[in-house]
C-alpha atoms as a PDB file:
ATOM      1  CA  MET A   1     108.465 125.886  96.574  1.00  0.00           C
ATOM      2  CA  ILE A   2     106.859 126.896 100.281  1.00  0.00           C
ATOM      3  CA  TYR A   3     109.755 125.948 102.048  1.00  0.00           C
ATOM      4  CA  GLY A   4     112.773 127.101  99.542  1.00  0.00           C
ATOM      5  CA  LYS A   5     114.347 129.286 101.853  1.00  0.00           C
ATOM      6  CA  ILE A   6     115.655 125.998 104.316  1.00  0.00           C
ATOM      7  CA  TRP A   7     118.389 125.331 101.905  1.00  0.00           C
ATOM      8  CA  THR A   8     120.169 128.801 102.782  1.00  0.00           C
ATOM      9  CA  VAL A   9     120.228 127.269 105.923  1.00  0.00           C
ATOM     10  CA  VAL A  10     120.731 123.199 105.594  1.00  0.00           C
ATOM     11  CA  LYS A  11     122.585 122.205 102.675  1.00  0.00           C
ATOM     12  CA  PRO A  12     120.929 119.902 100.412  1.00  0.00           C
ATOM     13  CA  SER A  13     123.761 117.210 100.371  1.00  0.00           C
ATOM     14  CA  VAL A  14     122.870 117.149 104.099  1.00  0.00           C
ATOM     15  CA  GLY A  15     118.825 117.896 104.076  1.00  0.00           C
ATOM     16  CA  LEU A  16     117.781 115.405 101.437  1.00  0.00           C
ATOM     17  CA  PRO A  17     119.152 112.276 102.770  1.00  0.00           C
ATOM     18  CA  ILE A  18     117.868 113.006 106.209  1.00  0.00           C
ATOM     19  CA  ILE A  19     114.244 113.694 104.224  1.00  0.00           C
ATOM     20  CA  LEU A  20     114.369 110.684 102.310  1.00  0.00           C
ATOM     21  CA  ALA A  21     115.409 108.423 105.500  1.00  0.00           C
ATOM     22  CA  ALA A  22     113.051 109.951 107.242  1.00  0.00           C
ATOM     23  CA  VAL A  23     110.167 109.017 104.830  1.00  0.00           C
ATOM     24  CA  ALA A  24     111.765 105.350 104.484  1.00  0.00           C
ATOM     25  CA  ILE A  25     111.683 104.785 108.443  1.00  0.00           C
ATOM     26  CA  GLY A  26     107.991 106.007 108.520  1.00  0.00           C
ATOM     27  CA  SER A  27     106.966 103.612 105.623  1.00  0.00           C
ATOM     28  CA  PHE A  28     108.556 100.798 106.995  1.00  0.00           C
ATOM     29  CA  SER A  29     107.471 101.486 110.755  1.00  0.00           C
ATOM     30  CA  VAL A  30     103.960 101.756 109.299  1.00  0.00           C
ATOM     31  CA  HIS A  31     104.007  98.419 107.130  1.00  0.00           C
ATOM     32  CA  LEU A  32     105.478  96.632 109.847  1.00  0.00           C
ATOM     33  CA  ALA A  33     103.048  97.750 112.259  1.00  0.00           C
ATOM     34  CA  LEU A  34     100.469  96.512 110.106  1.00  0.00           C
ATOM     35  CA  THR A  35     102.203  93.067 110.038  1.00  0.00           C
ATOM     36  CA  LEU A  36     102.523  92.353 113.349  1.00  0.00           C
ATOM     37  CA  ASN A  37      99.112  93.827 114.449  1.00  0.00           C
ATOM     38  CA  THR A  38      96.621  92.381 112.030  1.00  0.00           C
ATOM     39  CA  THR A  39      95.986  88.528 111.364  1.00  0.00           C
ATOM     40  CA  TRP A  40      94.899  89.326 107.589  1.00  0.00           C
ATOM     41  CA  VAL A  41      98.031  90.937 106.297  1.00  0.00           C
ATOM     42  CA  LYS A  42     100.165  87.898 107.218  1.00  0.00           C
ATOM     43  CA  LYS A  43      97.326  85.552 105.524  1.00  0.00           C
ATOM     44  CA  PHE A  44      97.692  88.056 102.394  1.00  0.00           C
ATOM     45  CA  LEU A  45     101.208  88.319 102.387  1.00  0.00           C
ATOM     46  CA  ASN A  46     101.611  83.929 102.270  1.00  0.00           C
ATOM     47  CA  GLY A  47      98.852  83.780  99.309  1.00  0.00           C
ATOM     48  CA  SER A  48      95.891  82.285 101.313  1.00  0.00           C
ATOM     49  CA  ALA A  49      92.699  84.353 100.032  1.00  0.00           C
ATOM     50  CA  ALA A  50      89.789  85.162 102.319  1.00  0.00           C
ATOM     51  CA  SER A  51      86.775  83.194 101.148  1.00  0.00           C
ATOM     52  CA  ALA A  52      83.774  85.433  99.798  1.00  0.00           C
ATOM     53  CA  ALA A  53      80.702  86.111 101.791  1.00  0.00           C
ATOM     54  CA  VAL A  54      77.693  84.564 100.105  1.00  0.00           C
ATOM     55  CA  VAL A  55      74.896  86.545 100.823  1.00  0.00           C
ATOM     56  CA  GLN A  56      70.956  85.080  99.588  1.00  0.00           C
ATOM     57  CA  THR A  57      68.525  87.541  98.909  1.00  0.00           C
ATOM     58  CA  VAL A  58      64.747  86.722  98.987  1.00  0.00           C
ATOM     59  CA  LYS A  59      62.170  88.399  96.410  1.00  0.00           C
ATOM     60  CA  THR A  60      58.975  89.390  97.519  1.00  0.00           C
ATOM     61  CA  PRO A  61      55.915  89.483  95.112  1.00  0.00           C
ATOM     62  CA  THR A  62      54.954  92.572  93.929  1.00  0.00           C
ATOM     63  CA  ALA A  63      51.414  93.774  93.812  1.00  0.00           C
END
């Protein structure tokens, strides 16, 4: 472990909950920002799927 000596300064019983809480808060804030700032996430979470785009191709005759 690269930062193994950190546990000589901070007890694991204090440091691990802080690290886990920081990861949980960061993840929650990213998901909240996606939900609040985009329109497609709200539609996706409510179950309305986007319609697929139809693309027509034209075949050109080959010589």
